[in-house]
N, C-alpha and C. Protein backbone atom coordinates (compact mmCIF):
# COMPACT_ATOMS: atom_id res chain seq x y z
N ASP A 1 61.25 -17.13 88.35
CA ASP A 1 62.50 -17.67 87.82
C ASP A 1 62.19 -18.88 86.95
N MET A 2 62.63 -18.84 85.69
CA MET A 2 62.30 -19.93 84.76
C MET A 2 63.03 -21.22 85.11
N ALA A 3 64.09 -21.14 85.92
CA ALA A 3 64.82 -22.33 86.31
C ALA A 3 64.14 -23.06 87.46
N ASP A 4 63.14 -22.47 88.08
CA ASP A 4 62.42 -23.08 89.18
C ASP A 4 61.66 -24.30 88.67
N SER A 5 62.10 -25.49 89.05
CA SER A 5 61.48 -26.71 88.54
C SER A 5 60.16 -27.03 89.23
N THR A 6 59.83 -26.34 90.33
CA THR A 6 58.57 -26.61 91.01
C THR A 6 57.40 -25.92 90.33
N HIS A 7 57.67 -24.93 89.49
CA HIS A 7 56.61 -24.22 88.80
C HIS A 7 56.58 -24.65 87.34
N LYS A 8 55.48 -25.21 86.94
CA LYS A 8 55.36 -25.62 85.53
C LYS A 8 54.89 -24.42 84.72
N GLY A 9 55.50 -24.23 83.58
CA GLY A 9 55.15 -23.12 82.71
C GLY A 9 53.84 -23.36 82.00
N ILE A 10 53.27 -22.29 81.49
CA ILE A 10 52.04 -22.36 80.71
C ILE A 10 52.44 -22.43 79.25
N LEU A 11 52.02 -23.48 78.58
CA LEU A 11 52.34 -23.67 77.17
C LEU A 11 51.38 -22.86 76.32
N PRO A 12 51.88 -21.83 75.61
CA PRO A 12 50.98 -21.07 74.74
C PRO A 12 50.62 -21.89 73.51
N VAL A 13 49.35 -21.87 73.14
CA VAL A 13 48.87 -22.66 72.01
C VAL A 13 47.87 -21.83 71.21
N VAL A 14 47.94 -21.95 69.90
CA VAL A 14 46.95 -21.36 69.01
C VAL A 14 46.22 -22.54 68.36
N TYR A 15 44.91 -22.51 68.39
CA TYR A 15 44.11 -23.59 67.82
C TYR A 15 43.64 -23.19 66.42
N PRO A 16 44.43 -23.51 65.39
CA PRO A 16 44.03 -23.18 64.01
C PRO A 16 43.03 -24.22 63.50
N PHE A 17 41.76 -23.90 63.60
CA PHE A 17 40.72 -24.88 63.31
C PHE A 17 40.80 -25.44 61.90
N ARG A 18 41.20 -24.64 60.93
CA ARG A 18 41.28 -25.16 59.57
C ARG A 18 42.37 -26.22 59.45
N ILE A 19 43.48 -26.03 60.13
CA ILE A 19 44.56 -27.03 60.09
C ILE A 19 44.18 -28.25 60.92
N MET A 20 43.60 -28.02 62.09
CA MET A 20 43.21 -29.12 62.96
C MET A 20 42.17 -30.01 62.31
N SER A 21 41.29 -29.42 61.51
CA SER A 21 40.26 -30.24 60.87
C SER A 21 40.85 -31.17 59.81
N LEU A 22 42.04 -30.82 59.31
CA LEU A 22 42.69 -31.67 58.31
C LEU A 22 43.40 -32.86 58.93
N ASN A 23 44.16 -32.61 60.02
CA ASN A 23 44.93 -33.70 60.59
C ASN A 23 44.85 -33.80 62.12
N GLY A 24 44.12 -32.94 62.76
CA GLY A 24 43.96 -32.99 64.21
C GLY A 24 45.15 -32.49 65.00
N ALA A 25 46.20 -32.07 64.32
CA ALA A 25 47.42 -31.64 65.00
C ALA A 25 47.33 -30.19 65.45
N ILE A 26 47.96 -29.91 66.60
CA ILE A 26 48.08 -28.54 67.09
C ILE A 26 49.54 -28.16 66.93
N PRO A 27 49.85 -27.23 66.02
CA PRO A 27 51.24 -26.88 65.77
C PRO A 27 51.87 -26.16 66.96
N LYS A 28 53.16 -26.41 67.16
CA LYS A 28 53.90 -25.73 68.22
C LYS A 28 54.20 -24.31 67.78
N ILE A 29 54.31 -23.42 68.75
CA ILE A 29 54.60 -22.03 68.46
C ILE A 29 56.11 -21.84 68.46
N GLU A 30 56.62 -21.23 67.41
CA GLU A 30 58.05 -20.92 67.30
C GLU A 30 58.21 -19.44 67.01
N ILE A 31 59.21 -18.84 67.62
CA ILE A 31 59.57 -17.45 67.36
C ILE A 31 61.05 -17.42 67.05
N ASP A 32 61.37 -16.90 65.88
CA ASP A 32 62.76 -16.85 65.42
C ASP A 32 63.42 -18.22 65.47
N GLY A 33 62.66 -19.26 65.13
CA GLY A 33 63.20 -20.61 65.07
C GLY A 33 63.30 -21.31 66.41
N CYS A 34 62.90 -20.66 67.50
CA CYS A 34 62.96 -21.26 68.83
C CYS A 34 61.56 -21.61 69.31
N GLU A 35 61.39 -22.85 69.75
CA GLU A 35 60.08 -23.29 70.23
C GLU A 35 59.75 -22.60 71.56
N VAL A 36 58.51 -22.12 71.69
CA VAL A 36 58.06 -21.47 72.91
C VAL A 36 57.36 -22.52 73.77
N ASN A 37 57.97 -22.84 74.91
CA ASN A 37 57.42 -23.86 75.80
C ASN A 37 56.84 -23.28 77.07
N ASP A 38 56.99 -21.99 77.26
CA ASP A 38 56.51 -21.36 78.49
C ASP A 38 56.07 -19.94 78.14
N TYR A 39 54.86 -19.60 78.51
CA TYR A 39 54.30 -18.28 78.24
C TYR A 39 55.20 -17.16 78.74
N ARG A 40 55.92 -17.41 79.83
CA ARG A 40 56.78 -16.37 80.40
C ARG A 40 57.87 -15.93 79.43
N GLN A 41 58.21 -16.78 78.46
CA GLN A 41 59.22 -16.43 77.46
C GLN A 41 58.76 -15.26 76.59
N VAL A 42 57.46 -15.11 76.41
CA VAL A 42 56.92 -14.10 75.49
C VAL A 42 55.94 -13.14 76.17
N GLU A 43 55.77 -13.27 77.48
CA GLU A 43 54.74 -12.51 78.19
C GLU A 43 54.88 -11.00 78.01
N ALA A 44 56.08 -10.46 78.17
CA ALA A 44 56.25 -9.00 78.09
C ALA A 44 55.89 -8.48 76.69
N ASP A 45 56.38 -9.15 75.65
CA ASP A 45 56.07 -8.72 74.28
C ASP A 45 54.58 -8.91 73.97
N PHE A 46 54.00 -10.01 74.44
CA PHE A 46 52.58 -10.27 74.20
C PHE A 46 51.72 -9.19 74.84
N ARG A 47 51.99 -8.90 76.13
CA ARG A 47 51.20 -7.88 76.82
C ARG A 47 51.34 -6.52 76.16
N SER A 48 52.56 -6.17 75.78
CA SER A 48 52.80 -4.89 75.11
C SER A 48 52.00 -4.80 73.81
N GLY A 49 52.07 -5.86 73.01
CA GLY A 49 51.33 -5.88 71.74
C GLY A 49 49.83 -5.86 71.95
N LEU A 50 49.34 -6.62 72.91
CA LEU A 50 47.91 -6.68 73.19
C LEU A 50 47.38 -5.32 73.64
N PHE A 51 48.06 -4.70 74.62
CA PHE A 51 47.60 -3.41 75.12
C PHE A 51 47.73 -2.32 74.06
N GLY A 52 48.76 -2.43 73.21
CA GLY A 52 48.90 -1.49 72.11
C GLY A 52 47.76 -1.61 71.12
N MET A 53 47.35 -2.84 70.82
CA MET A 53 46.25 -3.08 69.89
C MET A 53 44.93 -2.56 70.47
N ILE A 54 44.71 -2.80 71.75
CA ILE A 54 43.49 -2.31 72.39
C ILE A 54 43.46 -0.78 72.39
N ALA A 55 44.60 -0.16 72.67
CA ALA A 55 44.68 1.30 72.65
C ALA A 55 44.37 1.84 71.25
N GLU A 56 44.87 1.15 70.23
CA GLU A 56 44.62 1.59 68.84
C GLU A 56 43.14 1.46 68.50
N ILE A 57 42.49 0.39 68.96
CA ILE A 57 41.07 0.20 68.68
C ILE A 57 40.24 1.35 69.25
N PHE A 58 40.59 1.80 70.45
CA PHE A 58 39.82 2.85 71.11
C PHE A 58 40.33 4.26 70.84
N ASP A 59 41.38 4.39 70.03
CA ASP A 59 41.93 5.71 69.70
C ASP A 59 41.04 6.37 68.65
N GLU A 60 40.39 7.43 69.04
CA GLU A 60 39.45 8.11 68.14
C GLU A 60 40.14 8.81 66.98
N THR A 61 41.45 9.00 67.06
CA THR A 61 42.18 9.66 65.96
C THR A 61 42.66 8.66 64.91
N THR A 62 42.51 7.37 65.18
CA THR A 62 42.94 6.35 64.23
C THR A 62 41.72 5.89 63.44
N ALA A 63 41.77 6.06 62.13
CA ALA A 63 40.64 5.67 61.27
C ALA A 63 40.58 4.15 61.16
N PHE A 64 39.35 3.63 61.09
CA PHE A 64 39.15 2.20 60.87
C PHE A 64 39.20 1.93 59.37
N ASP A 65 39.99 0.96 58.97
CA ASP A 65 40.08 0.56 57.57
C ASP A 65 39.74 -0.92 57.44
N GLN A 66 39.16 -1.27 56.32
CA GLN A 66 38.89 -2.67 56.04
C GLN A 66 40.21 -3.41 55.86
N ALA A 67 40.15 -4.72 55.93
CA ALA A 67 41.32 -5.54 55.69
C ALA A 67 41.88 -5.23 54.30
N GLU A 68 43.21 -5.24 54.20
CA GLU A 68 43.83 -4.94 52.91
C GLU A 68 43.53 -6.01 51.87
N LYS A 69 43.49 -7.26 52.28
CA LYS A 69 43.25 -8.36 51.35
C LYS A 69 41.80 -8.83 51.49
N PRO A 70 41.02 -8.73 50.44
CA PRO A 70 39.61 -9.17 50.51
C PRO A 70 39.44 -10.62 50.93
N GLU A 71 40.44 -11.49 50.65
CA GLU A 71 40.31 -12.89 51.06
C GLU A 71 40.29 -13.04 52.58
N SER A 72 40.76 -12.03 53.30
CA SER A 72 40.70 -12.06 54.76
C SER A 72 39.26 -12.00 55.24
N CYS A 73 38.37 -11.53 54.41
CA CYS A 73 36.96 -11.35 54.79
C CYS A 73 36.12 -12.62 54.59
N LYS A 74 36.71 -13.63 54.01
CA LYS A 74 35.95 -14.82 53.65
C LYS A 74 35.21 -15.43 54.84
N PHE A 75 35.80 -15.45 56.02
CA PHE A 75 35.18 -16.06 57.19
C PHE A 75 34.73 -15.04 58.22
N CYS A 76 34.74 -13.77 57.87
CA CYS A 76 34.40 -12.72 58.81
C CYS A 76 32.89 -12.62 59.00
N PRO A 77 32.43 -12.61 60.25
CA PRO A 77 31.00 -12.51 60.49
C PRO A 77 30.46 -11.07 60.40
N PHE A 78 31.34 -10.10 60.14
CA PHE A 78 30.92 -8.70 60.15
C PHE A 78 30.85 -8.06 58.76
N THR A 79 30.89 -8.86 57.70
CA THR A 79 30.89 -8.29 56.35
C THR A 79 29.62 -7.51 56.06
N GLU A 80 28.53 -7.86 56.70
CA GLU A 80 27.29 -7.09 56.49
C GLU A 80 27.42 -5.68 57.04
N LEU A 81 28.20 -5.52 58.11
CA LEU A 81 28.40 -4.19 58.69
C LEU A 81 29.27 -3.30 57.82
N CYS A 82 30.34 -3.88 57.24
CA CYS A 82 31.26 -3.05 56.47
C CYS A 82 30.86 -2.96 55.00
N GLY A 83 30.01 -3.88 54.54
CA GLY A 83 29.53 -3.81 53.17
C GLY A 83 30.41 -4.53 52.16
N ARG A 84 31.51 -5.10 52.58
CA ARG A 84 32.38 -5.80 51.64
C ARG A 84 31.81 -7.17 51.32
N VAL A 85 31.86 -7.53 50.06
CA VAL A 85 31.44 -8.85 49.62
C VAL A 85 32.71 -9.63 49.29
N PRO A 86 33.05 -10.62 50.13
CA PRO A 86 34.29 -11.36 49.87
C PRO A 86 34.18 -12.22 48.62
N PRO A 87 35.28 -12.36 47.89
CA PRO A 87 35.27 -13.21 46.70
C PRO A 87 34.92 -14.65 47.08
N GLU A 88 34.32 -15.37 46.17
CA GLU A 88 33.86 -16.73 46.43
C GLU A 88 34.99 -17.75 46.48
N ASN A 89 35.93 -17.66 45.56
CA ASN A 89 36.97 -18.71 45.45
C ASN A 89 38.33 -18.21 45.85
N TYR A 90 38.99 -19.00 46.67
CA TYR A 90 40.39 -18.73 47.05
C TYR A 90 41.17 -19.98 46.97
């Protein structure tokens, strides 16, 4: 029960290193304009999306495609495996 004041919620956080290196700030997570202060607010959707993504990764009928935007490859450690050479300037 989210109204139970004896249980503290888990604050979901994403650590965007590129943004943090600029100002040290950790941005708050918002969904549809509402701040997420407790993981339980998004747990069902998160689990569904996570398990769906894992199922897609292991689905042998789903072809693997490179990222649509080459700039996504700029920091990827696997470019040697896929053979894509990311553009130098973004």
